[in-house]
Amino acid sequence: FLTLVFVTGVLGIKNVGWTPAVGNDINANLGNLFIV
């Protein structure tokens, strides 16, 4: 999940083909993801 956030949010590579896709639920819980 963290690499998906980096690839889509930082590198701007969209539609990477891995499921589940990174969406608003991940962005809203990004802090929890970093803690985990």
Full PDB file with SEQRES, HELIX, SHEET, SSBOND, CRYST1, ORIGX, SCALE, CONECT and MASTER records, all heavy atoms in Angstrom:
SEQRES   1 A   36  PHE LEU THR LEU VAL PHE VAL THR GLY VAL LEU GLY ILE          
SEQRES   2 A   36  LYS ASN VAL GLY TRP THR PRO ALA VAL GLY ASN ASP ILE          
SEQRES   3 A   36  ASN ALA ASN LEU GLY ASN LEU PHE ILE VAL                      
HELIX    1 AA1 LEU A    2  VAL A    5  1                                   4    
HELIX    2 AA2 PHE A    6  VAL A   10  3                                   5    
HELIX    3 AA3 ASN A   24  ALA A   28  1                                   5    
HELIX    4 AA4 LEU A   30  ILE A   35  1                                   6    
CRYST1    1.000    1.000    1.000  90.00  90.00  90.00 P 1           1          
ORIGX1      1.000000  0.000000  0.000000        0.00000                         
ORIGX2      0.000000  1.000000  0.000000        0.00000                         
ORIGX3      0.000000  0.000000  1.000000        0.00000                         
SCALE1      1.000000  0.000000  0.000000        0.00000                         
SCALE2      0.000000  1.000000  0.000000        0.00000                         
SCALE3      0.000000  0.000000  1.000000        0.00000                         
ATOM      1  N   PHE A   1       0.826  -1.206   0.000  1.00  0.00           N  
ATOM      2  CA  PHE A   1       0.000   0.000   0.000  1.00  0.00           C  
ATOM      3  C   PHE A   1       0.860   1.256   0.000  1.00  0.00           C  
ATOM      4  O   PHE A   1       0.550   2.231  -0.685  1.00  0.00           O  
ATOM      5  CB  PHE A   1      -0.933  -0.007   1.217  1.00  0.00           C  
ATOM      6  CG  PHE A   1      -2.256  -0.665   0.961  1.00  0.00           C  
ATOM      7  CD1 PHE A   1      -2.395  -2.037   1.073  1.00  0.00           C  
ATOM      8  CD2 PHE A   1      -3.361   0.084   0.606  1.00  0.00           C  
ATOM      9  CE1 PHE A   1      -3.603  -2.652   0.837  1.00  0.00           C  
ATOM     10  CE2 PHE A   1      -4.587  -0.519   0.370  1.00  0.00           C  
ATOM     11  CZ  PHE A   1      -4.707  -1.899   0.485  1.00  0.00           C  
ATOM     12  N   LEU A   2       1.942   1.237   0.783  1.00  0.00           N  
ATOM     13  CA  LEU A   2       2.790   2.412   0.875  1.00  0.00           C  
ATOM     14  C   LEU A   2       3.493   2.694  -0.457  1.00  0.00           C  
ATOM     15  O   LEU A   2       3.615   3.856  -0.864  1.00  0.00           O  
ATOM     16  CB  LEU A   2       3.827   2.225   1.979  1.00  0.00           C  
ATOM     17  CG  LEU A   2       4.518   3.486   2.487  1.00  0.00           C  
ATOM     18  CD1 LEU A   2       3.497   4.493   3.010  1.00  0.00           C  
ATOM     19  CD2 LEU A   2       5.528   3.139   3.576  1.00  0.00           C  
ATOM     20  N   THR A   3       3.929   1.663  -1.139  1.00  0.00           N  
ATOM     21  CA  THR A   3       4.555   1.874  -2.452  1.00  0.00           C  
ATOM     22  C   THR A   3       3.535   2.374  -3.463  1.00  0.00           C  
ATOM     23  O   THR A   3       3.865   3.191  -4.342  1.00  0.00           O  
ATOM     24  CB  THR A   3       5.200   0.576  -2.964  1.00  0.00           C  
ATOM     25  OG1 THR A   3       4.225  -0.479  -2.994  1.00  0.00           O  
ATOM     26  CG2 THR A   3       6.359   0.159  -2.086  1.00  0.00           C  
ATOM     27  N   LEU A   4       2.289   1.928  -3.350  1.00  0.00           N  
ATOM     28  CA  LEU A   4       1.244   2.430  -4.241  1.00  0.00           C  
ATOM     29  C   LEU A   4       0.999   3.917  -4.008  1.00  0.00           C  
ATOM     30  O   LEU A   4       0.820   4.687  -4.956  1.00  0.00           O  
ATOM     31  CB  LEU A   4      -0.050   1.644  -4.030  1.00  0.00           C  
ATOM     32  CG  LEU A   4      -0.101   0.227  -4.615  1.00  0.00           C  
ATOM     33  CD1 LEU A   4      -1.381  -0.465  -4.201  1.00  0.00           C  
ATOM     34  CD2 LEU A   4       0.006   0.273  -6.130  1.00  0.00           C  
ATOM     35  N   VAL A   5       1.003   4.321  -2.726  1.00  0.00           N  
ATOM     36  CA  VAL A   5       0.825   5.738  -2.409  1.00  0.00           C  
ATOM     37  C   VAL A   5       1.973   6.546  -3.006  1.00  0.00           C  
ATOM     38  O   VAL A   5       1.765   7.624  -3.582  1.00  0.00           O  
ATOM     39  CB  VAL A   5       0.752   5.942  -0.886  1.00  0.00           C  
ATOM     40  CG1 VAL A   5       0.799   7.425  -0.539  1.00  0.00           C  
ATOM     41  CG2 VAL A   5      -0.519   5.320  -0.326  1.00  0.00           C  
ATOM     42  N   PHE A   6       3.190   6.042  -2.898  1.00  0.00           N  
ATOM     43  CA  PHE A   6       4.352   6.751  -3.426  1.00  0.00           C  
ATOM     44  C   PHE A   6       4.299   6.844  -4.944  1.00  0.00           C  
ATOM     45  O   PHE A   6       4.548   7.907  -5.526  1.00  0.00           O  
ATOM     46  CB  PHE A   6       5.629   6.038  -2.986  1.00  0.00           C  
ATOM     47  CG  PHE A   6       6.888   6.685  -3.487  1.00  0.00           C  
ATOM     48  CD1 PHE A   6       7.385   7.834  -2.890  1.00  0.00           C  
ATOM     49  CD2 PHE A   6       7.583   6.146  -4.561  1.00  0.00           C  
ATOM     50  CE1 PHE A   6       8.545   8.439  -3.342  1.00  0.00           C  
ATOM     51  CE2 PHE A   6       8.743   6.742  -5.034  1.00  0.00           C  
ATOM     52  CZ  PHE A   6       9.229   7.894  -4.422  1.00  0.00           C  
ATOM     53  N   VAL A   7       3.960   5.733  -5.592  1.00  0.00           N  
ATOM     54  CA  VAL A   7       3.961   5.705  -7.054  1.00  0.00           C  
ATOM     55  C   VAL A   7       2.860   6.594  -7.628  1.00  0.00           C  
ATOM     56  O   VAL A   7       3.081   7.346  -8.584  1.00  0.00           O  
ATOM     57  CB  VAL A   7       3.808   4.255  -7.557  1.00  0.00           C  
ATOM     58  CG1 VAL A   7       3.513   4.220  -9.052  1.00  0.00           C  
ATOM     59  CG2 VAL A   7       5.078   3.467  -7.267  1.00  0.00           C  
ATOM     60  N   THR A   8       1.670   6.527  -7.040  1.00  0.00           N  
ATOM     61  CA  THR A   8       0.551   7.294  -7.573  1.00  0.00           C  
ATOM     62  C   THR A   8       0.567   8.748  -7.108  1.00  0.00           C  
ATOM     63  O   THR A   8       0.265   9.659  -7.883  1.00  0.00           O  
ATOM     64  CB  THR A   8      -0.783   6.650  -7.164  1.00  0.00           C  
ATOM     65  OG1 THR A   8      -0.857   6.589  -5.729  1.00  0.00           O  
ATOM     66  CG2 THR A   8      -0.898   5.252  -7.742  1.00  0.00           C  
ATOM     67  N   GLY A   9       0.914   8.984  -5.829  1.00  0.00           N  
ATOM     68  CA  GLY A   9       0.850  10.331  -5.286  1.00  0.00           C  
ATOM     69  C   GLY A   9       2.078  11.175  -5.536  1.00  0.00           C  
ATOM     70  O   GLY A   9       1.976  12.383  -5.733  1.00  0.00           O  
ATOM     71  N   VAL A  10       3.265  10.544  -5.527  1.00  0.00           N  
ATOM     72  CA  VAL A  10       4.515  11.291  -5.682  1.00  0.00           C  
ATOM     73  C   VAL A  10       5.025  11.232  -7.109  1.00  0.00           C  
ATOM     74  O   VAL A  10       5.344  12.257  -7.724  1.00  0.00           O  
ATOM     75  CB  VAL A  10       5.588  10.766  -4.699  1.00  0.00           C  
ATOM     76  CG1 VAL A  10       6.909  11.502  -4.906  1.00  0.00           C  
ATOM     77  CG2 VAL A  10       5.107  10.904  -3.263  1.00  0.00           C  
ATOM     78  N   LEU A  11       5.110  10.020  -7.666  1.00  0.00           N  
ATOM     79  CA  LEU A  11       5.607   9.878  -9.032  1.00  0.00           C  
ATOM     80  C   LEU A  11       4.553  10.201 -10.077  1.00  0.00           C  
ATOM     81  O   LEU A  11       4.878  10.385 -11.251  1.00  0.00           O  
ATOM     82  CB  LEU A  11       6.137   8.452  -9.245  1.00  0.00           C  
ATOM     83  CG  LEU A  11       7.299   8.016  -8.336  1.00  0.00           C  
ATOM     84  CD1 LEU A  11       7.770   6.623  -8.724  1.00  0.00           C  
ATOM     85  CD2 LEU A  11       8.452   9.016  -8.403  1.00  0.00           C  
ATOM     86  N   GLY A  12       3.288  10.234  -9.655  1.00  0.00           N  
ATOM     87  CA  GLY A  12       2.214  10.591 -10.582  1.00  0.00           C  
ATOM     88  C   GLY A  12       1.872   9.516 -11.585  1.00  0.00           C  
ATOM     89  O   GLY A  12       1.273   9.795 -12.631  1.00  0.00           O  
ATOM     90  N   ILE A  13       2.219   8.264 -11.287  1.00  0.00           N  
ATOM     91  CA  ILE A  13       1.887   7.146 -12.177  1.00  0.00           C  
ATOM     92  C   ILE A  13       0.522   6.610 -11.776  1.00  0.00           C  
ATOM     93  O   ILE A  13       0.364   6.008 -10.716  1.00  0.00           O  
ATOM     94  CB  ILE A  13       2.951   6.034 -12.099  1.00  0.00           C  
ATOM     95  CG1 ILE A  13       4.332   6.603 -12.442  1.00  0.00           C  
ATOM     96  CG2 ILE A  13       2.607   4.886 -13.039  1.00  0.00           C  
ATOM     97  CD1 ILE A  13       5.451   5.585 -12.290  1.00  0.00           C  
ATOM     98  N   LYS A  14      -0.457   6.819 -12.615  1.00  0.00           N  
ATOM     99  CA  LYS A  14      -1.823   6.421 -12.295  1.00  0.00           C  
ATOM    100  C   LYS A  14      -2.148   5.057 -12.916  1.00  0.00           C  
ATOM    101  O   LYS A  14      -1.490   4.586 -13.829  1.00  0.00           O  
ATOM    102  CB  LYS A  14      -2.810   7.470 -12.822  1.00  0.00           C  
ATOM    103  CG  LYS A  14      -2.515   8.894 -12.342  1.00  0.00           C  
ATOM    104  CD  LYS A  14      -2.576   9.009 -10.822  1.00  0.00           C  
ATOM    105  CE  LYS A  14      -2.336  10.442 -10.356  1.00  0.00           C  
ATOM    106  NZ  LYS A  14      -2.358  10.590  -8.901  1.00  0.00           N  
ATOM    107  N   ASN A  15      -3.217   4.458 -12.385  1.00  0.00           N  
ATOM    108  CA  ASN A  15      -3.723   3.219 -12.972  1.00  0.00           C  
ATOM    109  C   ASN A  15      -2.638   2.154 -13.039  1.00  0.00           C  
ATOM    110  O   ASN A  15      -2.333   1.602 -14.080  1.00  0.00           O  
ATOM    111  CB  ASN A  15      -4.241   3.497 -14.392  1.00  0.00           C  
ATOM    112  CG  ASN A  15      -5.579   2.832 -14.643  1.00  0.00           C  
ATOM    113  OD1 ASN A  15      -6.107   2.140 -13.779  1.00  0.00           O  
ATOM    114  ND2 ASN A  15      -6.113   3.060 -15.814  1.00  0.00           N  
ATOM    115  N   VAL A  16      -2.044   1.820 -11.889  1.00  0.00           N  
ATOM    116  CA  VAL A  16      -0.890   0.932 -11.878  1.00  0.00           C  
ATOM    117  C   VAL A  16      -1.256  -0.544 -11.978  1.00  0.00           C  
ATOM    118  O   VAL A  16      -0.378  -1.386 -12.113  1.00  0.00           O  
ATOM    119  CB  VAL A  16      -0.043   1.166 -10.606  1.00  0.00           C  
ATOM    120  CG1 VAL A  16       0.535   2.565 -10.618  1.00  0.00           C  
ATOM    121  CG2 VAL A  16      -0.874   0.937  -9.356  1.00  0.00           C  
ATOM    122  N   GLY A  17      -2.532  -0.878 -11.872  1.00  0.00           N  
ATOM    123  CA  GLY A  17      -2.930  -2.252 -12.112  1.00  0.00           C  
ATOM    124  C   GLY A  17      -2.959  -3.141 -10.885  1.00  0.00           C  
ATOM    125  O   GLY A  17      -3.372  -4.285 -10.969  1.00  0.00           O  
ATOM    126  N   TRP A  18      -2.519  -2.646  -9.730  1.00  0.00           N  
ATOM    127  CA  TRP A  18      -2.591  -3.443  -8.512  1.00  0.00           C  
ATOM    128  C   TRP A  18      -3.909  -3.164  -7.814  1.00  0.00           C  
ATOM    129  O   TRP A  18      -4.364  -2.032  -7.737  1.00  0.00           O  
ATOM    130  CB  TRP A  18      -1.441  -3.085  -7.571  1.00  0.00           C  
ATOM    131  CG  TRP A  18      -0.174  -3.810  -7.895  1.00  0.00           C  
ATOM    132  CD1 TRP A  18       0.126  -4.476  -9.042  1.00  0.00           C  
ATOM    133  CD2 TRP A  18       0.975  -3.911  -7.066  1.00  0.00           C  
ATOM    134  NE1 TRP A  18       1.377  -4.978  -8.981  1.00  0.00           N  
ATOM    135  CE2 TRP A  18       1.935  -4.659  -7.778  1.00  0.00           C  
ATOM    136  CE3 TRP A  18       1.295  -3.444  -5.796  1.00  0.00           C  
ATOM    137  CZ2 TRP A  18       3.187  -4.964  -7.267  1.00  0.00           C  
ATOM    138  CZ3 TRP A  18       2.542  -3.733  -5.280  1.00  0.00           C  
ATOM    139  CH2 TRP A  18       3.471  -4.486  -5.996  1.00  0.00           C  
ATOM    140  N   THR A  19      -4.568  -4.173  -7.321  1.00  0.00           N  
ATOM    141  CA  THR A  19      -5.824  -4.011  -6.604  1.00  0.00           C  
ATOM    142  C   THR A  19      -5.611  -4.363  -5.140  1.00  0.00           C  
ATOM    143  O   THR A  19      -4.820  -5.255  -4.817  1.00  0.00           O  
ATOM    144  CB  THR A  19      -6.896  -4.934  -7.210  1.00  0.00           C  
ATOM    145  OG1 THR A  19      -6.409  -6.275  -7.213  1.00  0.00           O  
ATOM    146  CG2 THR A  19      -7.232  -4.514  -8.624  1.00  0.00           C  
ATOM    147  N   PRO A  20      -6.295  -3.726  -4.187  1.00  0.00           N  
ATOM    148  CA  PRO A  20      -7.213  -2.623  -4.442  1.00  0.00           C  
ATOM    149  C   PRO A  20      -6.487  -1.332  -4.783  1.00  0.00           C  
ATOM    150  O   PRO A  20      -5.369  -1.119  -4.355  1.00  0.00           O  
ATOM    151  CB  PRO A  20      -7.959  -2.474  -3.111  1.00  0.00           C  
ATOM    152  CG  PRO A  20      -6.988  -2.966  -2.091  1.00  0.00           C  
ATOM    153  CD  PRO A  20      -6.207  -4.072  -2.751  1.00  0.00           C  
ATOM    154  N   ALA A  21      -7.139  -0.483  -5.543  1.00  0.00           N  
ATOM    155  CA  ALA A  21      -6.522   0.777  -5.957  1.00  0.00           C  
ATOM    156  C   ALA A  21      -6.420   1.717  -4.764  1.00  0.00           C  
ATOM    157  O   ALA A  21      -7.193   1.652  -3.814  1.00  0.00           O  
ATOM    158  CB  ALA A  21      -7.332   1.426  -7.079  1.00  0.00           C  
ATOM    159  N   VAL A  22      -5.454   2.614  -4.835  1.00  0.00           N  
ATOM    160  CA  VAL A  22      -5.286   3.617  -3.788  1.00  0.00           C  
ATOM    161  C   VAL A  22      -6.337   4.698  -3.987  1.00  0.00           C  
ATOM    162  O   VAL A  22      -6.394   5.329  -5.033  1.00  0.00           O  
ATOM    163  CB  VAL A  22      -3.879   4.222  -3.832  1.00  0.00           C  
ATOM    164  CG1 VAL A  22      -3.753   5.348  -2.820  1.00  0.00           C  
ATOM    165  CG2 VAL A  22      -2.839   3.145  -3.568  1.00  0.00           C  
ATOM    166  N   GLY A  23      -7.167   4.902  -3.008  1.00  0.00           N  
ATOM    167  CA  GLY A  23      -8.245   5.878  -3.130  1.00  0.00           C  
ATOM    168  C   GLY A  23      -8.265   6.836  -1.958  1.00  0.00           C  
ATOM    169  O   GLY A  23      -7.304   6.958  -1.199  1.00  0.00           O  
ATOM    170  N   ASN A  24      -9.384   7.506  -1.784  1.00  0.00           N  
ATOM    171  CA  ASN A  24      -9.498   8.496  -0.723  1.00  0.00           C  
ATOM    172  C   ASN A  24      -9.400   7.878   0.658  1.00  0.00           C  
ATOM    173  O   ASN A  24      -8.968   8.527   1.607  1.00  0.00           O  
ATOM    174  CB  ASN A  24     -10.830   9.245  -0.862  1.00  0.00           C  
ATOM    175  CG  ASN A  24     -10.871  10.101  -2.125  1.00  0.00           C  
ATOM    176  OD1 ASN A  24      -9.836  10.581  -2.576  1.00  0.00           O  
ATOM    177  ND2 ASN A  24     -12.055  10.273  -2.683  1.00  0.00           N  
ATOM    178  N   ASP A  25      -9.824   6.596   0.803  1.00  0.00           N  
ATOM    179  CA  ASP A  25      -9.753   5.965   2.115  1.00  0.00           C  
ATOM    180  C   ASP A  25      -8.308   5.811   2.573  1.00  0.00           C  
ATOM    181  O   ASP A  25      -7.994   5.965   3.756  1.00  0.00           O  
ATOM    182  CB  ASP A  25     -10.445   4.608   2.098  1.00  0.00           C  
ATOM    183  CG  ASP A  25      -9.820   3.652   1.082  1.00  0.00           C  
ATOM    184  OD1 ASP A  25      -9.307   4.133   0.057  1.00  0.00           O  
ATOM    185  OD2 ASP A  25      -9.846   2.436   1.332  1.00  0.00           O  
ATOM    186  N   ILE A  26      -7.408   5.531   1.626  1.00  0.00           N  
ATOM    187  CA  ILE A  26      -5.995   5.431   1.979  1.00  0.00           C  
ATOM    188  C   ILE A  26      -5.431   6.807   2.304  1.00  0.00           C  
ATOM    189  O   ILE A  26      -4.696   6.987   3.281  1.00  0.00           O  
ATOM    190  CB  ILE A  26      -5.193   4.784   0.834  1.00  0.00           C  
ATOM    191  CG1 ILE A  26      -5.683   3.351   0.597  1.00  0.00           C  
ATOM    192  CG2 ILE A  26      -3.704   4.782   1.150  1.00  0.00           C  
ATOM    193  CD1 ILE A  26      -5.494   2.434   1.774  1.00  0.00           C  
ATOM    194  N   ASN A  27      -5.762   7.796   1.501  1.00  0.00           N  
ATOM    195  CA  ASN A  27      -5.245   9.146   1.736  1.00  0.00           C  
ATOM    196  C   ASN A  27      -5.702   9.690   3.084  1.00  0.00           C  
ATOM    197  O   ASN A  27      -4.956  10.388   3.773  1.00  0.00           O  
ATOM    198  CB  ASN A  27      -5.686  10.077   0.610  1.00  0.00           C  
ATOM    199  CG  ASN A  27      -5.077   9.681  -0.731  1.00  0.00           C  
ATOM    200  OD1 ASN A  27      -3.967   9.187  -0.765  1.00  0.00           O  
ATOM    201  ND2 ASN A  27      -5.803   9.899  -1.805  1.00  0.00           N  
ATOM    202  N   ALA A  28      -6.939   9.367   3.450  1.00  0.00           N  
ATOM    203  CA  ALA A  28      -7.469   9.841   4.725  1.00  0.00           C  
ATOM    204  C   ALA A  28      -6.806   9.137   5.907  1.00  0.00           C  
ATOM    205  O   ALA A  28      -6.777   9.678   7.021  1.00  0.00           O  
ATOM    206  CB  ALA A  28      -8.982   9.627   4.784  1.00  0.00           C  
ATOM    207  N   ASN A  29      -6.281   7.950   5.685  1.00  0.00           N  
ATOM    208  CA  ASN A  29      -5.656   7.178   6.761  1.00  0.00           C  
ATOM    209  C   ASN A  29      -4.159   7.010   6.540  1.00  0.00           C  
ATOM    210  O   ASN A  29      -3.564   6.036   7.002  1.00  0.00           O  
ATOM    211  CB  ASN A  29      -6.319   5.800   6.860  1.00  0.00           C  
ATOM    212  CG  ASN A  29      -7.752   5.871   7.324  1.00  0.00           C  
ATOM    213  OD1 ASN A  29      -8.027   6.017   8.510  1.00  0.00           O  
ATOM    214  ND2 ASN A  29      -8.690   5.785   6.385  1.00  0.00           N  
ATOM    215  N   LEU A  30      -3.564   7.953   5.821  1.00  0.00           N  
ATOM    216  CA  LEU A  30      -2.148   7.850   5.508  1.00  0.00           C  
ATOM    217  C   LEU A  30      -1.294   7.842   6.773  1.00  0.00           C  
ATOM    218  O   LEU A  30      -0.290   7.131   6.850  1.00  0.00           O  
ATOM    219  CB  LEU A  30      -1.733   9.005   4.596  1.00  0.00           C  
ATOM    220  CG  LEU A  30      -0.336   8.929   3.982  1.00  0.00           C  
ATOM    221  CD1 LEU A  30      -0.154   7.644   3.204  1.00  0.00           C  
ATOM    222  CD2 LEU A  30      -0.088  10.141   3.091  1.00  0.00           C  
ATOM    223  N   GLY A  31      -1.696   8.627   7.772  1.00  0.00           N  
ATOM    224  CA  GLY A  31      -0.944   8.644   9.028  1.00  0.00           C  
ATOM    225  C   GLY A  31      -0.923   7.282   9.681  1.00  0.00           C  
ATOM    226  O   GLY A  31       0.121   6.819  10.160  1.00  0.00           O  
ATOM    227  N   ASN A  32      -2.087   6.612   9.714  1.00  0.00           N  
ATOM    228  CA  ASN A  32      -2.140   5.267  10.293  1.00  0.00           C  
ATOM    229  C   ASN A  32      -1.281   4.284   9.504  1.00  0.00           C  
ATOM    230  O   ASN A  32      -0.660   3.383  10.083  1.00  0.00           O  
ATOM    231  CB  ASN A  32      -3.590   4.780  10.340  1.00  0.00           C  
ATOM    232  CG  ASN A  32      -4.442   5.579  11.300  1.00  0.00           C  
ATOM    233  OD1 ASN A  32      -3.942   6.086  12.306  1.00  0.00           O  
ATOM    234  ND2 ASN A  32      -5.729   5.704  11.008  1.00  0.00           N  
ATOM    235  N   LEU A  33      -1.254   4.458   8.182  1.00  0.00           N  
ATOM    236  CA  LEU A  33      -0.430   3.588   7.348  1.00  0.00           C  
ATOM    237  C   LEU A  33       1.047   3.762   7.681  1.00  0.00           C  
ATOM    238  O   LEU A  33       1.789   2.777   7.788  1.00  0.00           O  
ATOM    239  CB  LEU A  33      -0.681   3.892   5.871  1.00  0.00           C  
ATOM    240  CG  LEU A  33       0.140   3.085   4.854  1.00  0.00           C  
ATOM    241  CD1 LEU A  33      -0.106   1.592   5.023  1.00  0.00           C  
ATOM    242  CD2 LEU A  33      -0.185   3.529   3.433  1.00  0.00           C  
ATOM    243  N   PHE A  34       1.486   4.999   7.871  1.00  0.00           N  
ATOM    244  CA  PHE A  34       2.881   5.250   8.238  1.00  0.00           C  
ATOM    245  C   PHE A  34       3.205   4.662   9.615  1.00  0.00           C  
ATOM    246  O   PHE A  34       4.314   4.160   9.840  1.00  0.00           O  
ATOM    247  CB  PHE A  34       3.182   6.748   8.236  1.00  0.00           C  
ATOM    248  CG  PHE A  34       3.426   7.310   6.864  1.00  0.00           C  
ATOM    249  CD1 PHE A  34       2.764   8.457   6.441  1.00  0.00           C  
ATOM    250  CD2 PHE A  34       4.320   6.702   5.992  1.00  0.00           C  
ATOM    251  CE1 PHE A  34       3.000   8.982   5.175  1.00  0.00           C  
ATOM    252  CE2 PHE A  34       4.558   7.221   4.730  1.00  0.00           C  
ATOM    253  CZ  PHE A  34       3.893   8.361   4.313  1.00  0.00           C  
ATOM    254  N   ILE A  35       2.239   4.735  10.529  1.00  0.00           N  
ATOM    255  CA  ILE A  35       2.465   4.162  11.862  1.00  0.00           C  
ATOM    256  C   ILE A  35       2.604   2.649  11.776  1.00  0.00           C  
ATOM    257  O   ILE A  35       3.530   2.060  12.359  1.00  0.00           O  
ATOM    258  CB  ILE A  35       1.321   4.550  12.815  1.00  0.00           C  
ATOM    259  CG1 ILE A  35       1.371   6.048  13.122  1.00  0.00           C  
ATOM    260  CG2 ILE A  35       1.407   3.744  14.109  1.00  0.00           C  
ATOM    261  CD1 ILE A  35       0.224   6.533  13.984  1.00  0.00           C  
ATOM    262  N   VAL A  36       1.700   2.014  11.039  1.00  0.00           N  
ATOM    263  CA  VAL A  36       1.758   0.554  10.887  1.00  0.00           C  
ATOM    264  C   VAL A  36       3.080   0.136  10.256  1.00  0.00           C  
ATOM    265  O   VAL A  36       3.758  -0.789  10.721  1.00  0.00           O  
ATOM    266  CB  VAL A  36       0.568   0.062  10.044  1.00  0.00           C  
ATOM    267  CG1 VAL A  36       0.742  -1.404   9.662  1.00  0.00           C  
ATOM    268  CG2 VAL A  36      -0.739   0.247  10.807  1.00  0.00           C  
TER     269      VAL A  36                                                      
MASTER        0    0    0    4    0    0    0    6  268    1    0    3          
END                                                                             
